[in-house]
């Protein structure tokens, strides 16, 4: 938020605007969590039907998906933070700190390797209770789901446009151009 130093009025308005800005974000986060839960539930049902899982397989798969999903989400959050920090270093007209850029690039590459390890660990665990055909079908179903989710995100971003509610704006600073 811009610095507020013009008058006492801004000192009163600022806290109110911060609260107002946080409320939609909290609703968006709550809504996103609710929608993610619904999508995951529907996906589990479709997987169970299409892969013809036994109740034991379904229980084990759900536990695996929850455990590895937590790791993937945390890694995704870390990778997003790293990319934002890298974008911050790469501002036009501002000299980037070569050491910081190198460390961020190394961390991003390390994150990719970590994601591959998570995938391998999960596949190894799934191999303990799913057949190769079931694992392959599950992989294809996940790919289709991720593709569809990404399409929906892109559609939402296009519909909303820059500065719309829910659209994240990068902070402007010296040398920053408007988005």
N, C-alpha and C. Protein backbone atom coordinates (compact mmCIF):
# COMPACT_ATOMS: atom_id res chain seq x y z
N UNK A 1 0.85 -1.16 0.00
CA UNK A 1 0.00 0.00 0.00
C UNK A 1 0.90 1.23 0.00
N UNK A 2 0.49 2.30 -0.69
CA UNK A 2 1.29 3.51 -0.76
C UNK A 2 1.47 4.11 0.62
N UNK A 3 2.56 4.82 0.77
CA UNK A 3 2.79 5.47 2.06
C UNK A 3 1.77 6.56 2.27
N UNK A 4 1.26 6.63 3.48
CA UNK A 4 0.21 7.60 3.80
C UNK A 4 0.79 8.65 4.73
N UNK A 5 1.14 9.78 4.17
CA UNK A 5 1.70 10.81 5.03
C UNK A 5 1.05 12.16 4.79
N UNK A 6 -0.02 12.25 4.01
CA UNK A 6 -0.63 13.52 3.64
C UNK A 6 -1.35 14.17 4.81
N UNK A 7 -2.16 13.44 5.49
CA UNK A 7 -2.93 14.08 6.56
C UNK A 7 -3.45 13.05 7.54
N UNK A 8 -4.10 13.53 8.55
CA UNK A 8 -4.68 12.67 9.57
C UNK A 8 -5.79 11.82 8.99
N UNK A 9 -6.47 12.32 7.97
CA UNK A 9 -7.55 11.57 7.33
C UNK A 9 -7.03 10.24 6.80
N UNK A 10 -5.84 10.28 6.19
CA UNK A 10 -5.26 9.05 5.69
C UNK A 10 -4.94 8.08 6.83
N UNK A 11 -4.57 8.62 7.97
CA UNK A 11 -4.27 7.76 9.11
C UNK A 11 -5.50 7.01 9.58
N UNK A 12 -6.68 7.59 9.40
CA UNK A 12 -7.92 6.92 9.78
C UNK A 12 -8.38 5.98 8.68
N UNK A 13 -8.26 6.41 7.43
CA UNK A 13 -8.74 5.62 6.30
C UNK A 13 -7.87 4.38 6.06
N UNK A 14 -6.58 4.50 6.27
CA UNK A 14 -5.66 3.40 5.97
C UNK A 14 -6.02 2.11 6.68
N UNK A 15 -6.22 2.11 8.01
CA UNK A 15 -6.56 0.85 8.66
C UNK A 15 -7.86 0.25 8.14
N UNK A 16 -8.82 1.11 7.83
CA UNK A 16 -10.09 0.61 7.30
C UNK A 16 -9.90 -0.02 5.93
N UNK A 17 -9.09 0.60 5.08
CA UNK A 17 -8.89 0.04 3.75
C UNK A 17 -8.10 -1.26 3.81
N UNK A 18 -7.17 -1.36 4.75
CA UNK A 18 -6.43 -2.62 4.92
C UNK A 18 -7.37 -3.74 5.33
N UNK A 19 -8.25 -3.45 6.28
CA UNK A 19 -9.23 -4.47 6.70
C UNK A 19 -10.14 -4.86 5.54
N UNK A 20 -10.59 -3.88 4.78
CA UNK A 20 -11.46 -4.16 3.64
C UNK A 20 -10.74 -4.99 2.59
N UNK A 21 -9.45 -4.72 2.38
CA UNK A 21 -8.69 -5.48 1.39
C UNK A 21 -8.45 -6.91 1.87
N UNK A 22 -8.27 -7.11 3.17
CA UNK A 22 -8.01 -8.45 3.69
C UNK A 22 -9.26 -9.31 3.66
N UNK A 23 -10.42 -8.74 3.86
CA UNK A 23 -11.66 -9.51 3.92
C UNK A 23 -11.90 -10.29 2.62
N UNK A 24 -11.81 -9.66 1.41
CA UNK A 24 -12.00 -10.45 0.19
C UNK A 24 -10.93 -11.53 0.03
N UNK A 25 -9.69 -11.22 0.44
CA UNK A 25 -8.64 -12.23 0.34
C UNK A 25 -8.95 -13.43 1.22
N UNK A 26 -9.46 -13.17 2.43
CA UNK A 26 -9.81 -14.27 3.32
C UNK A 26 -10.96 -15.08 2.73
N UNK A 27 -11.95 -14.39 2.14
CA UNK A 27 -13.05 -15.10 1.50
C UNK A 27 -12.54 -15.91 0.33
N UNK A 28 -11.62 -15.30 -0.48
CA UNK A 28 -11.05 -16.02 -1.61
C UNK A 28 -10.31 -17.27 -1.15
N UNK A 29 -9.53 -17.13 -0.07
CA UNK A 29 -8.78 -18.27 0.45
C UNK A 29 -9.73 -19.35 0.96
N UNK A 30 -10.75 -18.94 1.67
CA UNK A 30 -11.74 -19.90 2.18
C UNK A 30 -12.46 -20.56 1.02
N UNK A 31 -12.87 -19.75 0.06
CA UNK A 31 -13.57 -20.27 -1.12
C UNK A 31 -12.67 -21.22 -1.91
N UNK A 32 -11.40 -20.85 -2.07
CA UNK A 32 -10.46 -21.70 -2.81
C UNK A 32 -10.29 -23.04 -2.10
N UNK A 33 -10.18 -23.00 -0.78
CA UNK A 33 -10.06 -24.25 -0.02
C UNK A 33 -11.28 -25.12 -0.16
N UNK A 34 -12.45 -24.49 -0.11
CA UNK A 34 -13.71 -25.24 -0.26
C UNK A 34 -13.80 -25.86 -1.65
N UNK A 35 -13.47 -25.07 -2.67
CA UNK A 35 -13.52 -25.59 -4.04
C UNK A 35 -12.50 -26.70 -4.24
N UNK A 36 -11.29 -26.53 -3.69
CA UNK A 36 -10.27 -27.57 -3.81
C UNK A 36 -10.77 -28.86 -3.18
N UNK A 37 -11.41 -28.76 -2.02
CA UNK A 37 -11.96 -29.95 -1.36
C UNK A 37 -13.01 -30.64 -2.21
N UNK A 38 -13.89 -29.85 -2.83
CA UNK A 38 -14.93 -30.43 -3.69
C UNK A 38 -14.31 -31.11 -4.91
N UNK A 39 -13.33 -30.46 -5.51
CA UNK A 39 -12.67 -31.03 -6.69
C UNK A 39 -11.96 -32.33 -6.31
N UNK A 40 -11.25 -32.31 -5.18
CA UNK A 40 -10.55 -33.51 -4.75
C UNK A 40 -11.52 -34.66 -4.47
N UNK A 41 -12.65 -34.35 -3.85
CA UNK A 41 -13.65 -35.38 -3.56
C UNK A 41 -14.20 -35.98 -4.85
N UNK A 42 -14.57 -35.12 -5.80
CA UNK A 42 -15.08 -35.62 -7.08
C UNK A 42 -14.02 -36.42 -7.82
N UNK A 43 -12.78 -35.94 -7.76
CA UNK A 43 -11.70 -36.65 -8.44
C UNK A 43 -11.51 -38.03 -7.81
N UNK A 44 -11.53 -38.12 -6.47
CA UNK A 44 -11.40 -39.42 -5.81
C UNK A 44 -12.50 -40.38 -6.25
N UNK A 45 -13.73 -39.86 -6.35
CA UNK A 45 -14.85 -40.71 -6.78
C UNK A 45 -14.64 -41.22 -8.20
N UNK A 46 -14.23 -40.33 -9.09
CA UNK A 46 -14.00 -40.74 -10.48
C UNK A 46 -12.86 -41.74 -10.58
N UNK A 47 -11.81 -41.51 -9.81
CA UNK A 47 -10.67 -42.44 -9.81
C UNK A 47 -11.12 -43.81 -9.33
N UNK A 48 -11.87 -43.83 -8.23
CA UNK A 48 -12.32 -45.11 -7.69
C UNK A 48 -13.17 -45.86 -8.71
N UNK A 49 -14.06 -45.13 -9.41
CA UNK A 49 -14.92 -45.77 -10.40
C UNK A 49 -14.12 -46.23 -11.62
N UNK A 50 -13.32 -45.34 -12.20
CA UNK A 50 -12.63 -45.66 -13.45
C UNK A 50 -11.51 -46.67 -13.27
N UNK A 51 -10.86 -46.65 -12.10
CA UNK A 51 -9.79 -47.61 -11.87
C UNK A 51 -10.30 -48.88 -11.20
N UNK A 52 -11.58 -48.88 -10.85
CA UNK A 52 -12.21 -50.02 -10.20
C UNK A 52 -11.41 -50.45 -8.96
N UNK A 53 -11.20 -49.48 -8.08
CA UNK A 53 -10.40 -49.72 -6.88
C UNK A 53 -11.20 -50.51 -5.85
N UNK A 54 -10.49 -51.35 -5.14
CA UNK A 54 -11.08 -52.02 -3.99
C UNK A 54 -11.16 -50.98 -2.87
N UNK A 55 -11.98 -51.23 -1.85
CA UNK A 55 -12.02 -50.28 -0.73
C UNK A 55 -10.64 -50.08 -0.09
N UNK A 56 -9.85 -51.14 0.01
CA UNK A 56 -8.51 -51.04 0.58
C UNK A 56 -7.61 -50.14 -0.29
N UNK A 57 -7.67 -50.35 -1.61
CA UNK A 57 -6.88 -49.51 -2.51
C UNK A 57 -7.31 -48.04 -2.42
N UNK A 58 -8.61 -47.82 -2.35
CA UNK A 58 -9.12 -46.45 -2.28
C UNK A 58 -8.64 -45.76 -1.01
N UNK A 59 -8.66 -46.46 0.11
CA UNK A 59 -8.20 -45.89 1.37
C UNK A 59 -6.71 -45.56 1.31
N UNK A 60 -5.92 -46.49 0.80
CA UNK A 60 -4.48 -46.26 0.69
C UNK A 60 -4.17 -45.12 -0.27
N UNK A 61 -4.89 -45.07 -1.38
CA UNK A 61 -4.66 -44.01 -2.35
C UNK A 61 -4.98 -42.64 -1.76
N UNK A 62 -6.07 -42.55 -1.05
CA UNK A 62 -6.44 -41.27 -0.43
C UNK A 62 -5.35 -40.82 0.55
N UNK A 63 -4.85 -41.75 1.35
CA UNK A 63 -3.79 -41.40 2.31
C UNK A 63 -2.52 -40.94 1.58
N UNK A 64 -2.18 -41.63 0.50
CA UNK A 64 -0.99 -41.25 -0.27
C UNK A 64 -1.17 -39.87 -0.90
N UNK A 65 -2.34 -39.65 -1.50
CA UNK A 65 -2.60 -38.37 -2.15
C UNK A 65 -2.56 -37.22 -1.15
N UNK A 66 -3.10 -37.43 0.03
CA UNK A 66 -3.07 -36.37 1.04
C UNK A 66 -1.64 -36.09 1.47
N UNK A 67 -0.87 -37.12 1.75
CA UNK A 67 0.50 -36.94 2.23
C UNK A 67 1.38 -36.27 1.16
N UNK A 68 1.33 -36.79 -0.06
CA UNK A 68 2.17 -36.21 -1.11
C UNK A 68 1.63 -34.86 -1.58
N UNK A 69 0.32 -34.67 -1.49
CA UNK A 69 -0.28 -33.39 -1.86
C UNK A 69 0.20 -32.26 -0.96
N UNK A 70 0.32 -32.55 0.33
CA UNK A 70 0.83 -31.55 1.27
C UNK A 70 2.25 -31.15 0.88
N UNK A 71 3.07 -32.13 0.58
CA UNK A 71 4.46 -31.84 0.18
C UNK A 71 4.50 -31.03 -1.11
N UNK A 72 3.66 -31.40 -2.07
CA UNK A 72 3.64 -30.67 -3.35
C UNK A 72 3.17 -29.23 -3.18
N UNK A 73 2.12 -29.03 -2.38
CA UNK A 73 1.62 -27.67 -2.17
C UNK A 73 2.66 -26.79 -1.48
N UNK A 74 3.33 -27.35 -0.49
CA UNK A 74 4.38 -26.58 0.20
C UNK A 74 5.51 -26.24 -0.76
N UNK A 75 5.92 -27.20 -1.54
CA UNK A 75 6.97 -26.95 -2.52
C UNK A 75 6.51 -25.92 -3.56
N UNK A 76 5.28 -26.01 -3.99
CA UNK A 76 4.74 -25.04 -4.94
C UNK A 76 4.75 -23.63 -4.37
N UNK A 77 4.40 -23.51 -3.09
CA UNK A 77 4.43 -22.20 -2.43
C UNK A 77 5.86 -21.66 -2.39
N UNK A 78 6.80 -22.52 -2.04
CA UNK A 78 8.21 -22.10 -1.99
C UNK A 78 8.70 -21.68 -3.36
N UNK A 79 8.35 -22.45 -4.38
CA UNK A 79 8.79 -22.12 -5.74
C UNK A 79 8.20 -20.78 -6.19
N UNK A 80 6.94 -20.52 -5.83
CA UNK A 80 6.32 -19.25 -6.19
C UNK A 80 7.07 -18.09 -5.53
N UNK A 81 7.41 -18.26 -4.25
CA UNK A 81 8.16 -17.22 -3.55
C UNK A 81 9.51 -16.99 -4.20
N UNK A 82 10.17 -18.07 -4.61
CA UNK A 82 11.47 -17.94 -5.27
C UNK A 82 11.34 -17.21 -6.61
N UNK A 83 10.31 -17.55 -7.39
CA UNK A 83 10.12 -16.89 -8.68
C UNK A 83 9.81 -15.41 -8.50
N UNK A 84 9.00 -15.08 -7.49
CA UNK A 84 8.70 -13.67 -7.22
C UNK A 84 9.96 -12.92 -6.81
N UNK A 85 10.77 -13.55 -5.98
CA UNK A 85 12.03 -12.91 -5.57
C UNK A 85 12.93 -12.72 -6.78
N UNK A 86 12.97 -13.69 -7.67
CA UNK A 86 13.78 -13.56 -8.88
C UNK A 86 13.24 -12.44 -9.77
N UNK A 87 11.93 -12.36 -9.92
CA UNK A 87 11.33 -11.26 -10.68
C UNK A 87 11.71 -9.92 -10.06
N UNK A 88 11.72 -9.87 -8.72
CA UNK A 88 12.11 -8.64 -8.04
C UNK A 88 13.55 -8.25 -8.34
N UNK A 89 14.41 -9.23 -8.49
CA UNK A 89 15.80 -8.96 -8.83
C UNK A 89 15.96 -8.51 -10.29
N UNK A 90 15.06 -8.93 -11.14
CA UNK A 90 15.21 -8.70 -12.58
C UNK A 90 14.41 -7.49 -13.07
N UNK A 91 14.26 -6.49 -12.24
CA UNK A 91 13.51 -5.29 -12.62
C UNK A 91 14.25 -4.53 -13.71
N UNK A 92 13.53 -4.07 -14.73
CA UNK A 92 14.16 -3.27 -15.78
C UNK A 92 14.74 -1.98 -15.20
N UNK A 93 15.94 -1.66 -15.62
CA UNK A 93 16.56 -0.42 -15.18
C UNK A 93 17.22 -0.49 -13.83
N UNK A 94 17.16 -1.64 -13.17
CA UNK A 94 17.77 -1.80 -11.85
C UNK A 94 18.76 -2.95 -11.93
N UNK A 95 19.98 -2.71 -11.46
CA UNK A 95 21.01 -3.75 -11.50
C UNK A 95 20.63 -4.88 -10.55
N UNK A 96 20.66 -6.10 -11.06
CA UNK A 96 20.35 -7.27 -10.24
C UNK A 96 21.59 -7.67 -9.43
N UNK A 97 21.37 -8.22 -8.27
CA UNK A 97 22.45 -8.73 -7.44
C UNK A 97 22.76 -10.14 -7.95
N UNK A 98 23.93 -10.29 -8.58
CA UNK A 98 24.29 -11.56 -9.22
C UNK A 98 24.29 -12.72 -8.24
N UNK A 99 24.76 -12.49 -7.02
CA UNK A 99 24.79 -13.56 -6.02
C UNK A 99 23.37 -14.01 -5.65
N UNK A 100 22.47 -13.05 -5.45
CA UNK A 100 21.08 -13.37 -5.13
C UNK A 100 20.41 -14.11 -6.28
N UNK A 101 20.66 -13.65 -7.49
CA UNK A 101 20.07 -14.31 -8.67
C UNK A 101 20.56 -15.74 -8.77
N UNK A 102 21.87 -15.94 -8.57
CA UNK A 102 22.43 -17.30 -8.64
C UNK A 102 21.78 -18.20 -7.58
N UNK A 103 21.67 -17.69 -6.35
CA UNK A 103 21.08 -18.49 -5.27
C UNK A 103 19.61 -18.81 -5.57
N UNK A 104 18.88 -17.84 -6.09
CA UNK A 104 17.47 -18.08 -6.42
C UNK A 104 17.34 -19.09 -7.55
N UNK A 105 18.17 -18.96 -8.58
CA UNK A 105 18.13 -19.93 -9.69
C UNK A 105 18.47 -21.33 -9.20
N UNK A 106 19.49 -21.44 -8.34
CA UNK A 106 19.85 -22.75 -7.78
C UNK A 106 18.68 -23.32 -6.98
N UNK A 107 18.02 -22.47 -6.19
CA UNK A 107 16.88 -22.93 -5.38
C UNK A 107 15.72 -23.37 -6.27
N UNK A 108 15.47 -22.64 -7.35
CA UNK A 108 14.39 -23.01 -8.28
C UNK A 108 14.70 -24.35 -8.93
N UNK A 109 15.94 -24.54 -9.37
CA UNK A 109 16.32 -25.82 -9.97
C UNK A 109 16.25 -26.95 -8.94
N UNK A 110 16.67 -26.65 -7.71
CA UNK A 110 16.57 -27.64 -6.64
C UNK A 110 15.13 -28.01 -6.35
N UNK A 111 14.23 -27.03 -6.43
CA UNK A 111 12.80 -27.29 -6.23
C UNK A 111 12.24 -28.21 -7.30
N UNK A 112 12.69 -27.99 -8.53
CA UNK A 112 12.24 -28.88 -9.62
C UNK A 112 12.70 -30.31 -9.37
N UNK A 113 13.94 -30.45 -8.92
CA UNK A 113 14.47 -31.78 -8.62
C UNK A 113 13.70 -32.41 -7.45
N UNK A 114 13.36 -31.58 -6.48
CA UNK A 114 12.60 -32.08 -5.33
C UNK A 114 11.21 -32.56 -5.76
N UNK A 115 10.57 -31.81 -6.68
CA UNK A 115 9.26 -32.23 -7.19
C UNK A 115 9.36 -33.57 -7.91
N UNK A 116 10.41 -33.75 -8.69
CA UNK A 116 10.62 -35.03 -9.37
C UNK A 116 10.79 -36.16 -8.35
N UNK A 117 11.51 -35.89 -7.27
CA UNK A 117 11.70 -36.91 -6.22
C UNK A 117 10.37 -37.23 -5.55
N UNK A 118 9.55 -36.22 -5.29
CA UNK A 118 8.23 -36.46 -4.70
C UNK A 118 7.41 -37.36 -5.62
N UNK A 119 7.44 -37.06 -6.92
CA UNK A 119 6.71 -37.88 -7.89
C UNK A 119 7.21 -39.33 -7.89
N UNK A 120 8.52 -39.49 -7.83
CA UNK A 120 9.10 -40.84 -7.82
C UNK A 120 8.74 -41.58 -6.53
N UNK A 121 8.82 -40.88 -5.41
CA UNK A 121 8.47 -41.50 -4.13
C UNK A 121 7.00 -41.93 -4.12
N UNK A 122 6.15 -41.05 -4.64
CA UNK A 122 4.73 -41.39 -4.67
C UNK A 122 4.48 -42.58 -5.59
N UNK A 123 5.10 -42.58 -6.75
CA UNK A 123 4.89 -43.69 -7.69
C UNK A 123 5.37 -45.01 -7.07
N UNK A 124 6.47 -44.95 -6.37
CA UNK A 124 6.97 -46.16 -5.70
C UNK A 124 5.97 -46.66 -4.67
N UNK A 125 5.38 -45.74 -3.92
CA UNK A 125 4.38 -46.12 -2.92
C UNK A 125 3.12 -46.67 -3.60
N UNK A 126 2.66 -46.01 -4.67
CA UNK A 126 1.47 -46.48 -5.38
C UNK A 126 1.68 -47.87 -5.96
N UNK A 127 2.90 -48.16 -6.38
CA UNK A 127 3.20 -49.47 -6.96
C UNK A 127 2.98 -50.59 -5.94
N UNK A 128 2.95 -50.25 -4.67
CA UNK A 128 2.73 -51.26 -3.64
C UNK A 128 1.29 -51.73 -3.55
N UNK A 129 0.35 -50.98 -4.11
CA UNK A 129 -1.06 -51.40 -4.01
C UNK A 129 -1.89 -51.15 -5.26
N UNK A 130 -1.33 -50.52 -6.29
CA UNK A 130 -2.03 -50.37 -7.57
C UNK A 130 -1.30 -51.16 -8.65
N UNK A 131 -2.05 -51.63 -9.63
CA UNK A 131 -1.42 -52.32 -10.75
C UNK A 131 -0.78 -51.27 -11.66
N UNK A 132 0.14 -51.69 -12.54
CA UNK A 132 0.74 -50.73 -13.47
C UNK A 132 -0.31 -50.01 -14.34
N UNK A 133 -1.34 -50.72 -14.74
CA UNK A 133 -2.40 -50.12 -15.56
C UNK A 133 -3.15 -49.07 -14.73
N UNK A 134 -3.46 -49.38 -13.49
CA UNK A 134 -4.15 -48.42 -12.63
C UNK A 134 -3.29 -47.17 -12.41
N UNK A 135 -1.98 -47.36 -12.19
CA UNK A 135 -1.09 -46.21 -12.00
C UNK A 135 -1.03 -45.35 -13.25
N UNK A 136 -0.97 -45.99 -14.41
CA UNK A 136 -0.91 -45.24 -15.66
C UNK A 136 -2.21 -44.46 -15.87
N UNK A 137 -3.34 -45.09 -15.62
CA UNK A 137 -4.63 -44.38 -15.77
C UNK A 137 -4.73 -43.22 -14.78
N UNK A 138 -4.28 -43.46 -13.57
CA UNK A 138 -4.30 -42.39 -12.57
C UNK A 138 -3.44 -41.22 -13.04
N UNK A 139 -2.28 -41.50 -13.58
CA UNK A 139 -1.41 -40.44 -14.09
C UNK A 139 -2.08 -39.64 -15.19
N UNK A 140 -2.75 -40.32 -16.11
CA UNK A 140 -3.45 -39.64 -17.20
C UNK A 140 -4.61 -38.80 -16.67
N UNK A 141 -5.32 -39.34 -15.70
CA UNK A 141 -6.44 -38.59 -15.11
C UNK A 141 -5.93 -37.33 -14.42
N UNK A 142 -4.81 -37.44 -13.72
CA UNK A 142 -4.22 -36.28 -13.05
C UNK A 142 -3.79 -35.22 -14.06
N UNK A 143 -3.16 -35.67 -15.14
CA UNK A 143 -2.72 -34.72 -16.17
C UNK A 143 -3.91 -33.95 -16.75
N UNK A 144 -4.99 -34.67 -17.04
CA UNK A 144 -6.19 -34.00 -17.57
C UNK A 144 -6.76 -33.02 -16.56
N UNK A 145 -6.79 -33.41 -15.29
CA UNK A 145 -7.29 -32.52 -14.25
C UNK A 145 -6.43 -31.26 -14.15
N UNK A 146 -5.11 -31.43 -14.12
CA UNK A 146 -4.22 -30.27 -14.01
C UNK A 146 -4.35 -29.35 -15.23
N UNK A 147 -4.48 -29.95 -16.39
CA UNK A 147 -4.65 -29.16 -17.62
C UNK A 147 -5.93 -28.35 -17.53
N UNK A 148 -7.00 -28.98 -17.09
CA UNK A 148 -8.30 -28.29 -16.97
C UNK A 148 -8.26 -27.18 -15.93
N UNK A 149 -7.63 -27.44 -14.79
CA UNK A 149 -7.50 -26.42 -13.74
C UNK A 149 -6.70 -25.23 -14.28
N UNK A 150 -5.61 -25.49 -14.99
CA UNK A 150 -4.82 -24.40 -15.56
C UNK A 150 -5.61 -23.60 -16.59
N UNK A 151 -6.40 -24.28 -17.40
CA UNK A 151 -7.25 -23.58 -18.37
C UNK A 151 -8.24 -22.66 -17.65
N UNK A 152 -8.83 -23.17 -16.59
CA UNK A 152 -9.80 -22.37 -15.84
C UNK A 152 -9.12 -21.16 -15.19
N UNK A 153 -7.90 -21.34 -14.68
CA UNK A 153 -7.17 -20.21 -14.10
C UNK A 153 -6.90 -19.15 -15.16
N UNK A 154 -6.47 -19.59 -16.32
CA UNK A 154 -6.18 -18.64 -17.40
C UNK A 154 -7.46 -17.90 -17.83
N UNK A 155 -8.56 -18.61 -17.92
CA UNK A 155 -9.82 -17.97 -18.27
C UNK A 155 -10.21 -16.94 -17.22
N UNK A 156 -10.04 -17.29 -15.97
CA UNK A 156 -10.38 -16.37 -14.89
C UNK A 156 -9.51 -15.13 -14.93
N UNK A 157 -8.22 -15.31 -15.15
CA UNK A 157 -7.31 -14.16 -15.24
C UNK A 157 -7.68 -13.26 -16.40
N UNK A 158 -8.01 -13.85 -17.52
CA UNK A 158 -8.39 -13.07 -18.70
C UNK A 158 -9.67 -12.29 -18.48
N UNK A 159 -10.61 -12.89 -17.78
CA UNK A 159 -11.90 -12.25 -17.50
C UNK A 159 -11.75 -11.12 -16.51
N UNK A 160 -10.88 -11.34 -15.53
CA UNK A 160 -10.76 -10.37 -14.45
C UNK A 160 -9.92 -9.17 -14.85
N UNK A 161 -8.83 -9.40 -15.55
CA UNK A 161 -7.95 -8.30 -15.93
C UNK A 161 -7.12 -7.80 -14.77
N UNK A 162 -6.09 -7.00 -15.07
CA UNK A 162 -5.23 -6.48 -14.02
C UNK A 162 -6.00 -5.60 -13.05
N UNK A 163 -5.71 -5.76 -11.78
CA UNK A 163 -6.31 -4.91 -10.76
C UNK A 163 -7.69 -5.32 -10.32
N UNK A 164 -8.25 -6.37 -10.91
CA UNK A 164 -9.58 -6.84 -10.52
C UNK A 164 -9.48 -7.54 -9.17
N UNK A 165 -10.60 -7.65 -8.44
CA UNK A 165 -10.56 -8.35 -7.15
C UNK A 165 -10.02 -9.75 -7.32
N UNK A 166 -9.11 -10.13 -6.44
CA UNK A 166 -8.52 -11.47 -6.51
C UNK A 166 -7.28 -11.52 -7.37
N UNK A 167 -7.06 -10.52 -8.19
CA UNK A 167 -5.88 -10.47 -9.05
C UNK A 167 -4.74 -9.90 -8.23
N UNK A 168 -3.64 -10.60 -8.15
CA UNK A 168 -2.51 -10.11 -7.37
C UNK A 168 -1.76 -9.06 -8.18
N UNK A 169 -1.40 -8.02 -7.49
CA UNK A 169 -0.61 -6.98 -8.12
C UNK A 169 0.77 -6.99 -7.51
N UNK A 170 1.77 -6.86 -8.36
CA UNK A 170 3.13 -6.76 -7.85
C UNK A 170 3.36 -5.34 -7.38
N UNK A 171 4.09 -5.18 -6.29
CA UNK A 171 4.34 -3.83 -5.79
C UNK A 171 5.19 -3.05 -6.78
N UNK A 172 4.90 -1.76 -6.88
CA UNK A 172 5.69 -0.90 -7.75
C UNK A 172 6.73 -0.22 -6.90
N UNK A 173 7.86 -0.11 -7.42
CA UNK A 173 8.94 0.58 -6.73
C UNK A 173 9.79 1.27 -7.75
N UNK A 174 10.96 1.75 -7.38
CA UNK A 174 11.83 2.42 -8.34
C UNK A 174 12.12 1.50 -9.51
N UNK A 175 11.95 1.99 -10.69
CA UNK A 175 12.25 1.20 -11.88
C UNK A 175 11.17 0.23 -12.28
N UNK A 176 10.06 0.15 -11.53
CA UNK A 176 8.97 -0.78 -11.87
C UNK A 176 8.04 -0.13 -12.85
N UNK A 177 7.69 -0.84 -13.87
CA UNK A 177 6.70 -0.38 -14.82
C UNK A 177 5.34 -0.92 -14.42
N UNK A 178 4.26 -0.22 -14.79
CA UNK A 178 2.93 -0.77 -14.50
C UNK A 178 2.76 -2.09 -15.23
N UNK A 179 1.98 -2.93 -14.66
CA UNK A 179 1.73 -4.26 -15.25
C UNK A 179 0.77 -4.12 -16.38
